[in-house]
Amino acid sequence: MCVKDVLVQNQVGLHARPATFFIQKANEFKSSIWVEKEERRVNAKSLLGVLSLGIVGGTTIRIIADGNDEETAVDALVSLVQSGFNE
């Protein structure tokens, strides 16, 4: 299992467009991937799940993956979040 915390850089957070990019990236991997905000954990491959967390800019989230490509998956998603989704 691979776990990393990352600060959401873009001001509006993971609203519909960035959340879609996040989910598309998560779906490139075979590992099970979750996003955690405070005590809530959702499937990172679920748009409804990610949107339900209400992640705004300046929030620290935890990305968790478990599987054959877990480290690559977490690193790719952390990089995407740190890029601010090119907004």
PDB file of N, CA and C in Angstrom:
ATOM      1  N   MET A   1       0.845  -1.178   0.000  1.00  0.00           N
ATOM      2  CA  MET A   1       0.000   0.000   0.000  1.00  0.00           C
ATOM      3  C   MET A   1       0.892   1.244   0.000  1.00  0.00           C
ATOM      4  N   CYS A   2       0.518   2.211  -0.820  1.00  0.00           N
ATOM      5  CA  CYS A   2       1.274   3.452  -0.940  1.00  0.00           C
ATOM      6  C   CYS A   2       0.337   4.610  -0.570  1.00  0.00           C
ATOM      7  N   VAL A   3       0.823   5.515   0.283  1.00  0.00           N
ATOM      8  CA  VAL A   3       0.003   6.626   0.775  1.00  0.00           C
ATOM      9  C   VAL A   3       0.814   7.912   0.697  1.00  0.00           C
ATOM     10  N   LYS A   4       0.207   8.987   0.156  1.00  0.00           N
ATOM     11  CA  LYS A   4       0.858  10.298   0.149  1.00  0.00           C
ATOM     12  C   LYS A   4      -0.185  11.380   0.370  1.00  0.00           C
ATOM     13  N   ASP A   5       0.223  12.410   1.108  1.00  0.00           N
ATOM     14  CA  ASP A   5      -0.616  13.588   1.301  1.00  0.00           C
ATOM     15  C   ASP A   5      -0.188  14.652   0.301  1.00  0.00           C
ATOM     16  N   VAL A   6      -1.165  15.414  -0.193  1.00  0.00           N
ATOM     17  CA  VAL A   6      -0.868  16.476  -1.153  1.00  0.00           C
ATOM     18  C   VAL A   6      -1.819  17.645  -0.910  1.00  0.00           C
ATOM     19  N   LEU A   7      -1.300  18.855  -1.071  1.00  0.00           N
ATOM     20  CA  LEU A   7      -2.085  20.070  -0.931  1.00  0.00           C
ATOM     21  C   LEU A   7      -2.694  20.419  -2.283  1.00  0.00           C
ATOM     22  N   VAL A   8      -3.998  20.644  -2.313  1.00  0.00           N
ATOM     23  CA  VAL A   8      -4.685  21.027  -3.553  1.00  0.00           C
ATOM     24  C   VAL A   8      -4.317  22.463  -3.865  1.00  0.00           C
ATOM     25  N   GLN A   9      -3.660  22.675  -5.006  1.00  0.00           N
ATOM     26  CA  GLN A   9      -3.091  23.977  -5.360  1.00  0.00           C
ATOM     27  C   GLN A   9      -4.091  24.946  -5.978  1.00  0.00           C
ATOM     28  N   ASN A  10      -4.931  24.448  -6.901  1.00  0.00           N
ATOM     29  CA  ASN A  10      -5.816  25.372  -7.608  1.00  0.00           C
ATOM     30  C   ASN A  10      -6.898  25.913  -6.675  1.00  0.00           C
ATOM     31  N   GLN A  11      -7.304  27.150  -6.909  1.00  0.00           N
ATOM     32  CA  GLN A  11      -8.198  27.855  -5.983  1.00  0.00           C
ATOM     33  C   GLN A  11      -9.552  27.183  -5.813  1.00  0.00           C
ATOM     34  N   VAL A  12     -10.119  26.691  -6.900  1.00  0.00           N
ATOM     35  CA  VAL A  12     -11.465  26.136  -6.802  1.00  0.00           C
ATOM     36  C   VAL A  12     -11.487  24.673  -6.365  1.00  0.00           C
ATOM     37  N   GLY A  13     -10.333  24.043  -6.286  1.00  0.00           N
ATOM     38  CA  GLY A  13     -10.261  22.667  -5.810  1.00  0.00           C
ATOM     39  C   GLY A  13     -10.661  21.654  -6.870  1.00  0.00           C
ATOM     40  N   LEU A  14     -11.220  20.535  -6.427  1.00  0.00           N
ATOM     41  CA  LEU A  14     -11.611  19.468  -7.351  1.00  0.00           C
ATOM     42  C   LEU A  14     -13.093  19.611  -7.708  1.00  0.00           C
ATOM     43  N   HIS A  15     -13.427  20.661  -8.478  1.00  0.00           N
ATOM     44  CA  HIS A  15     -14.775  20.782  -9.011  1.00  0.00           C
ATOM     45  C   HIS A  15     -14.849  19.896 -10.244  1.00  0.00           C
ATOM     46  N   ALA A  16     -15.903  20.001 -11.030  1.00  0.00           N
ATOM     47  CA  ALA A  16     -16.184  19.027 -12.089  1.00  0.00           C
ATOM     48  C   ALA A  16     -15.027  18.781 -13.064  1.00  0.00           C
ATOM     49  N   ARG A  17     -14.442  19.838 -13.631  1.00  0.00           N
ATOM     50  CA  ARG A  17     -13.398  19.629 -14.653  1.00  0.00           C
ATOM     51  C   ARG A  17     -12.124  19.001 -14.070  1.00  0.00           C
ATOM     52  N   PRO A  18     -11.533  19.576 -13.016  1.00  0.00           N
ATOM     53  CA  PRO A  18     -10.339  18.935 -12.446  1.00  0.00           C
ATOM     54  C   PRO A  18     -10.624  17.537 -11.894  1.00  0.00           C
ATOM     55  N   ALA A  19     -11.811  17.342 -11.324  1.00  0.00           N
ATOM     56  CA  ALA A  19     -12.161  16.011 -10.801  1.00  0.00           C
ATOM     57  C   ALA A  19     -12.212  14.999 -11.939  1.00  0.00           C
ATOM     58  N   THR A  20     -12.692  15.426 -13.097  1.00  0.00           N
ATOM     59  CA  THR A  20     -12.737  14.538 -14.259  1.00  0.00           C
ATOM     60  C   THR A  20     -11.329  14.142 -14.690  1.00  0.00           C
ATOM     61  N   PHE A  21     -10.415  15.115 -14.736  1.00  0.00           N
ATOM     62  CA  PHE A  21      -9.014  14.809 -15.071  1.00  0.00           C
ATOM     63  C   PHE A  21      -8.417  13.830 -14.052  1.00  0.00           C
ATOM     64  N   PHE A  22      -8.719  14.060 -12.776  1.00  0.00           N
ATOM     65  CA  PHE A  22      -8.206  13.228 -11.692  1.00  0.00           C
ATOM     66  C   PHE A  22      -8.691  11.786 -11.864  1.00  0.00           C
ATOM     67  N   ILE A  23      -9.971  11.629 -12.133  1.00  0.00           N
ATOM     68  CA  ILE A  23     -10.555  10.292 -12.279  1.00  0.00           C
ATOM     69  C   ILE A  23     -10.024   9.586 -13.529  1.00  0.00           C
ATOM     70  N   GLN A  24      -9.882  10.341 -14.616  1.00  0.00           N
ATOM     71  CA  GLN A  24      -9.323   9.748 -15.833  1.00  0.00           C
ATOM     72  C   GLN A  24      -7.915   9.222 -15.576  1.00  0.00           C
ATOM     73  N   LYS A  25      -7.110   9.999 -14.848  1.00  0.00           N
ATOM     74  CA  LYS A  25      -5.752   9.564 -14.522  1.00  0.00           C
ATOM     75  C   LYS A  25      -5.802   8.335 -13.615  1.00  0.00           C
ATOM     76  N   ALA A  26      -6.672   8.338 -12.611  1.00  0.00           N
ATOM     77  CA  ALA A  26      -6.789   7.200 -11.685  1.00  0.00           C
ATOM     78  C   ALA A  26      -7.177   5.922 -12.436  1.00  0.00           C
ATOM     79  N   ASN A  27      -8.019   6.069 -13.450  1.00  0.00           N
ATOM     80  CA  ASN A  27      -8.486   4.902 -14.202  1.00  0.00           C
ATOM     81  C   ASN A  27      -7.436   4.328 -15.141  1.00  0.00           C
ATOM     82  N   GLU A  28      -6.301   4.999 -15.284  1.00  0.00           N
ATOM     83  CA  GLU A  28      -5.200   4.458 -16.092  1.00  0.00           C
ATOM     84  C   GLU A  28      -4.452   3.342 -15.359  1.00  0.00           C
ATOM     85  N   PHE A  29      -4.744   3.173 -14.067  1.00  0.00           N
ATOM     86  CA  PHE A  29      -4.003   2.218 -13.240  1.00  0.00           C
ATOM     87  C   PHE A  29      -4.898   1.074 -12.792  1.00  0.00           C
ATOM     88  N   LYS A  30      -4.263  -0.076 -12.579  1.00  0.00           N
ATOM     89  CA  LYS A  30      -5.005  -1.264 -12.147  1.00  0.00           C
ATOM     90  C   LYS A  30      -5.242  -1.286 -10.644  1.00  0.00           C
ATOM     91  N   SER A  31      -4.414  -0.585  -9.892  1.00  0.00           N
ATOM     92  CA  SER A  31      -4.526  -0.580  -8.431  1.00  0.00           C
ATOM     93  C   SER A  31      -5.864  -0.006  -7.970  1.00  0.00           C
ATOM     94  N   SER A  32      -6.274  -0.414  -6.788  1.00  0.00           N
ATOM     95  CA  SER A  32      -7.408   0.238  -6.121  1.00  0.00           C
ATOM     96  C   SER A  32      -6.880   1.553  -5.570  1.00  0.00           C
ATOM     97  N   ILE A  33      -7.602   2.640  -5.838  1.00  0.00           N
ATOM     98  CA  ILE A  33      -7.128   3.962  -5.423  1.00  0.00           C
ATOM     99  C   ILE A  33      -8.248   4.683  -4.687  1.00  0.00           C
ATOM    100  N   TRP A  34      -7.879   5.320  -3.575  1.00  0.00           N
ATOM    101  CA  TRP A  34      -8.835   6.077  -2.778  1.00  0.00           C
ATOM    102  C   TRP A  34      -8.309   7.484  -2.537  1.00  0.00           C
ATOM    103  N   VAL A  35      -9.256   8.396  -2.311  1.00  0.00           N
ATOM    104  CA  VAL A  35      -8.927   9.762  -1.901  1.00  0.00           C
ATOM    105  C   VAL A  35      -9.563   9.948  -0.530  1.00  0.00           C
ATOM    106  N   GLU A  36      -8.791  10.529   0.383  1.00  0.00           N
ATOM    107  CA  GLU A  36      -9.270  10.734   1.735  1.00  0.00           C
ATOM    108  C   GLU A  36      -9.166  12.213   2.098  1.00  0.00           C
ATOM    109  N   LYS A  37     -10.241  12.755   2.631  1.00  0.00           N
ATOM    110  CA  LYS A  37     -10.252  14.122   3.160  1.00  0.00           C
ATOM    111  C   LYS A  37     -10.815  14.018   4.564  1.00  0.00           C
ATOM    112  N   GLU A  38     -10.013  14.441   5.532  1.00  0.00           N
ATOM    113  CA  GLU A  38     -10.359  14.283   6.940  1.00  0.00           C
ATOM    114  C   GLU A  38     -10.614  12.802   7.201  1.00  0.00           C
ATOM    115  N   GLU A  39     -11.805  12.410   7.611  1.00  0.00           N
ATOM    116  CA  GLU A  39     -12.060  10.999   7.921  1.00  0.00           C
ATOM    117  C   GLU A  39     -12.841  10.282   6.831  1.00  0.00           C
ATOM    118  N   ARG A  40     -13.145  10.978   5.726  1.00  0.00           N
ATOM    119  CA  ARG A  40     -13.944  10.369   4.652  1.00  0.00           C
ATOM    120  C   ARG A  40     -13.038   9.837   3.555  1.00  0.00           C
ATOM    121  N   ARG A  41     -13.293   8.626   3.117  1.00  0.00           N
ATOM    122  CA  ARG A  41     -12.515   7.985   2.055  1.00  0.00           C
ATOM    123  C   ARG A  41     -13.466   7.562   0.946  1.00  0.00           C
ATOM    124  N   VAL A  42     -13.089   7.908  -0.298  1.00  0.00           N
ATOM    125  CA  VAL A  42     -13.916   7.531  -1.451  1.00  0.00           C
ATOM    126  C   VAL A  42     -13.035   6.904  -2.534  1.00  0.00           C
ATOM    127  N   ASN A  43     -13.670   6.206  -3.434  1.00  0.00           N
ATOM    128  CA  ASN A  43     -12.995   5.599  -4.579  1.00  0.00           C
ATOM    129  C   ASN A  43     -12.526   6.722  -5.512  1.00  0.00           C
ATOM    130  N   ALA A  44     -11.249   6.777  -5.810  1.00  0.00           N
ATOM    131  CA  ALA A  44     -10.690   7.825  -6.670  1.00  0.00           C
ATOM    132  C   ALA A  44     -11.108   7.663  -8.119  1.00  0.00           C
ATOM    133  N   LYS A  45     -11.719   6.544  -8.454  1.00  0.00           N
ATOM    134  CA  LYS A  45     -12.157   6.304  -9.832  1.00  0.00           C
ATOM    135  C   LYS A  45     -13.636   6.635 -10.011  1.00  0.00           C
ATOM    136  N   SER A  46     -14.244   7.224  -8.981  1.00  0.00           N
ATOM    137  CA  SER A  46     -15.668   7.567  -8.998  1.00  0.00           C
ATOM    138  C   SER A  46     -15.843   9.083  -8.973  1.00  0.00           C
ATOM    139  N   LEU A  47     -16.417   9.635 -10.043  1.00  0.00           N
ATOM    140  CA  LEU A  47     -16.628  11.086 -10.105  1.00  0.00           C
ATOM    141  C   LEU A  47     -17.532  11.546  -8.969  1.00  0.00           C
ATOM    142  N   LEU A  48     -18.628  10.852  -8.748  1.00  0.00           N
ATOM    143  CA  LEU A  48     -19.552  11.231  -7.687  1.00  0.00           C
ATOM    144  C   LEU A  48     -18.872  11.178  -6.319  1.00  0.00           C
ATOM    145  N   GLY A  49     -18.064  10.145  -6.108  1.00  0.00           N
ATOM    146  CA  GLY A  49     -17.350  10.017  -4.836  1.00  0.00           C
ATOM    147  C   GLY A  49     -16.407  11.175  -4.595  1.00  0.00           C
ATOM    148  N   VAL A  50     -15.585  11.501  -5.601  1.00  0.00           N
ATOM    149  CA  VAL A  50     -14.605  12.580  -5.463  1.00  0.00           C
ATOM    150  C   VAL A  50     -15.314  13.923  -5.260  1.00  0.00           C
ATOM    151  N   LEU A  51     -16.358  14.174  -6.047  1.00  0.00           N
ATOM    152  CA  LEU A  51     -17.096  15.433  -5.900  1.00  0.00           C
ATOM    153  C   LEU A  51     -17.769  15.537  -4.532  1.00  0.00           C
ATOM    154  N   SER A  52     -18.193  14.396  -3.977  1.00  0.00           N
ATOM    155  CA  SER A  52     -18.895  14.409  -2.689  1.00  0.00           C
ATOM    156  C   SER A  52     -17.997  14.859  -1.532  1.00  0.00           C
ATOM    157  N   LEU A  53     -16.679  14.791  -1.732  1.00  0.00           N
ATOM    158  CA  LEU A  53     -15.767  15.240  -0.670  1.00  0.00           C
ATOM    159  C   LEU A  53     -15.729  16.761  -0.549  1.00  0.00           C
ATOM    160  N   GLY A  54     -16.156  17.472  -1.590  1.00  0.00           N
ATOM    161  CA  GLY A  54     -16.160  18.931  -1.549  1.00  0.00           C
ATOM    162  C   GLY A  54     -14.767  19.511  -1.332  1.00  0.00           C
ATOM    163  N   ILE A  55     -13.800  19.049  -2.102  1.00  0.00           N
ATOM    164  CA  ILE A  55     -12.406  19.454  -1.936  1.00  0.00           C
ATOM    165  C   ILE A  55     -12.193  20.832  -2.554  1.00  0.00           C
ATOM    166  N   VAL A  56     -11.808  21.790  -1.727  1.00  0.00           N
ATOM    167  CA  VAL A  56     -11.550  23.155  -2.195  1.00  0.00           C
ATOM    168  C   VAL A  56     -10.051  23.430  -2.162  1.00  0.00           C
ATOM    169  N   GLY A  57      -9.636  24.509  -2.828  1.00  0.00           N
ATOM    170  CA  GLY A  57      -8.228  24.879  -2.837  1.00  0.00           C
ATOM    171  C   GLY A  57      -7.704  25.087  -1.429  1.00  0.00           C
ATOM    172  N   GLY A  58      -6.472  24.688  -1.205  1.00  0.00           N
ATOM    173  CA  GLY A  58      -5.849  24.825   0.109  1.00  0.00           C
ATOM    174  C   GLY A  58      -6.110  23.654   1.042  1.00  0.00           C
ATOM    175  N   THR A  59      -6.853  22.665   0.563  1.00  0.00           N
ATOM    176  CA  THR A  59      -7.159  21.473   1.350  1.00  0.00           C
ATOM    177  C   THR A  59      -6.071  20.425   1.120  1.00  0.00           C
ATOM    178  N   THR A  60      -5.680  19.749   2.183  1.00  0.00           N
ATOM    179  CA  THR A  60      -4.754  18.629   2.043  1.00  0.00           C
ATOM    180  C   THR A  60      -5.565  17.349   1.948  1.00  0.00           C
ATOM    181  N   ILE A  61      -5.283  16.576   0.903  1.00  0.00           N
ATOM    182  CA  ILE A  61      -5.956  15.291   0.726  1.00  0.00           C
ATOM    183  C   ILE A  61      -4.913  14.182   0.786  1.00  0.00           C
ATOM    184  N   ARG A  62      -5.381  12.991   1.030  1.00  0.00           N
ATOM    185  CA  ARG A  62      -4.495  11.815   1.064  1.00  0.00           C
ATOM    186  C   ARG A  62      -4.888  10.908  -0.095  1.00  0.00           C
ATOM    187  N   ILE A  63      -3.897  10.484  -0.860  1.00  0.00           N
ATOM    188  CA  ILE A  63      -4.123   9.561  -1.968  1.00  0.00           C
ATOM    189  C   ILE A  63      -3.530   8.212  -1.565  1.00  0.00           C
ATOM    190  N   ILE A  64      -4.352   7.185  -1.661  1.00  0.00           N
ATOM    191  CA  ILE A  64      -3.977   5.847  -1.208  1.00  0.00           C
ATOM    192  C   ILE A  64      -4.182   4.868  -2.360  1.00  0.00           C
ATOM    193  N   ALA A  65      -3.197   4.036  -2.614  1.00  0.00           N
ATOM    194  CA  ALA A  65      -3.335   3.024  -3.668  1.00  0.00           C
ATOM    195  C   ALA A  65      -2.815   1.683  -3.160  1.00  0.00           C
ATOM    196  N   ASP A  66      -3.435   0.627  -3.669  1.00  0.00           N
ATOM    197  CA  ASP A  66      -3.029  -0.719  -3.299  1.00  0.00           C
ATOM    198  C   ASP A  66      -3.113  -1.599  -4.541  1.00  0.00           C
ATOM    199  N   GLY A  67      -1.972  -2.125  -4.962  1.00  0.00           N
ATOM    200  CA  GLY A  67      -1.949  -2.987  -6.144  1.00  0.00           C
ATOM    201  C   GLY A  67      -0.573  -2.990  -6.786  1.00  0.00           C
ATOM    202  N   ASN A  68      -0.481  -3.623  -7.948  1.00  0.00           N
ATOM    203  CA  ASN A  68       0.806  -3.783  -8.632  1.00  0.00           C
ATOM    204  C   ASN A  68       1.472  -2.467  -9.016  1.00  0.00           C
ATOM    205  N   ASP A  69       0.671  -1.466  -9.400  1.00  0.00           N
ATOM    206  CA  ASP A  69       1.232  -0.190  -9.851  1.00  0.00           C
ATOM    207  C   ASP A  69       0.933   0.949  -8.870  1.00  0.00           C
ATOM    208  N   GLU A  70       0.824   0.602  -7.590  1.00  0.00           N
ATOM    209  CA  GLU A  70       0.402   1.572  -6.576  1.00  0.00           C
ATOM    210  C   GLU A  70       1.310   2.802  -6.484  1.00  0.00           C
ATOM    211  N   GLU A  71       2.621   2.614  -6.492  1.00  0.00           N
ATOM    212  CA  GLU A  71       3.523   3.765  -6.357  1.00  0.00           C
ATOM    213  C   GLU A  71       3.437   4.682  -7.566  1.00  0.00           C
ATOM    214  N   THR A  72       3.395   4.105  -8.750  1.00  0.00           N
ATOM    215  CA  THR A  72       3.274   4.897  -9.974  1.00  0.00           C
ATOM    216  C   THR A  72       1.959   5.667  -9.974  1.00  0.00           C
ATOM    217  N   ALA A  73       0.885   5.012  -9.539  1.00  0.00           N
ATOM    218  CA  ALA A  73      -0.437   5.642  -9.502  1.00  0.00           C
ATOM    219  C   ALA A  73      -0.454   6.833  -8.548  1.00  0.00           C
ATOM    220  N   VAL A  74       0.040   6.641  -7.348  1.00  0.00           N
ATOM    221  CA  VAL A  74       0.044   7.720  -6.357  1.00  0.00           C
ATOM    222  C   VAL A  74       0.916   8.879  -6.831  1.00  0.00           C
ATOM    223  N   ASP A  75       2.101   8.564  -7.355  1.00  0.00           N
ATOM    224  CA  ASP A  75       2.997   9.631  -7.842  1.00  0.00           C
ATOM    225  C   ASP A  75       2.352  10.433  -8.972  1.00  0.00           C
ATOM    226  N   ALA A  76       1.675   9.751  -9.892  1.00  0.00           N
ATOM    227  CA  ALA A  76       1.029  10.432 -11.018  1.00  0.00           C
ATOM    228  C   ALA A  76      -0.102  11.333 -10.540  1.00  0.00           C
ATOM    229  N   LEU A  77      -0.889  10.846  -9.586  1.00  0.00           N
ATOM    230  CA  LEU A  77      -2.011  11.646  -9.080  1.00  0.00           C
ATOM    231  C   LEU A  77      -1.528  12.820  -8.235  1.00  0.00           C
ATOM    232  N   VAL A  78      -0.483  12.617  -7.449  1.00  0.00           N
ATOM    233  CA  VAL A  78       0.097  13.714  -6.669  1.00  0.00           C
ATOM    234  C   VAL A  78       0.624  14.792  -7.612  1.00  0.00           C
ATOM    235  N   SER A  79       1.319  14.386  -8.665  1.00  0.00           N
ATOM    236  CA  SER A  79       1.839  15.344  -9.650  1.00  0.00           C
ATOM    237  C   SER A  79       0.713  16.126 -10.306  1.00  0.00           C
ATOM    238  N   LEU A  80      -0.374  15.447 -10.635  1.00  0.00           N
ATOM    239  CA  LEU A  80      -1.520  16.110 -11.256  1.00  0.00           C
ATOM    240  C   LEU A  80      -2.116  17.160 -10.315  1.00  0.00           C
ATOM    241  N   VAL A  81      -2.298  16.802  -9.055  1.00  0.00           N
ATOM    242  CA  VAL A  81      -2.850  17.745  -8.083  1.00  0.00           C
ATOM    243  C   VAL A  81      -1.892  18.923  -7.893  1.00  0.00           C
ATOM    244  N   GLN A  82      -0.589  18.651  -7.797  1.00  0.00           N
ATOM    245  CA  GLN A  82       0.393  19.716  -7.589  1.00  0.00           C
ATOM    246  C   GLN A  82       0.468  20.650  -8.782  1.00  0.00           C
ATOM    247  N   SER A  83       0.117  20.168  -9.973  1.00  0.00           N
ATOM    248  CA  SER A  83       0.162  21.012 -11.175  1.00  0.00           C
ATOM    249  C   SER A  83      -0.963  22.043 -11.196  1.00  0.00           C
ATOM    250  N   GLY A  84      -1.946  21.873 -10.302  1.00  0.00           N
ATOM    251  CA  GLY A  84      -3.094  22.765 -10.288  1.00  0.00           C
ATOM    252  C   GLY A  84      -4.033  22.508 -11.440  1.00  0.00           C
ATOM    253  N   PHE A  85      -3.931  21.340 -12.066  1.00  0.00           N
ATOM    254  CA  PHE A  85      -4.793  20.945 -13.187  1.00  0.00           C
ATOM    255  C   PHE A  85      -4.709  21.935 -14.331  1.00  0.00           C
ATOM    256  N   ASN A  86      -3.576  22.623 -14.434  1.00  0.00           N
ATOM    257  CA  ASN A  86      -3.319  23.597 -15.495  1.00  0.00           C
ATOM    258  C   ASN A  86      -4.377  24.699 -15.582  1.00  0.00           C
ATOM    259  N   GLU A  87      -4.893  25.085 -14.424  1.00  0.00           N
ATOM    260  CA  GLU A  87      -5.887  26.168 -14.406  1.00  0.00           C
ATOM    261  C   GLU A  87      -5.233  27.493 -14.128  1.00  0.00           C
TER     262      GLU A  87
END
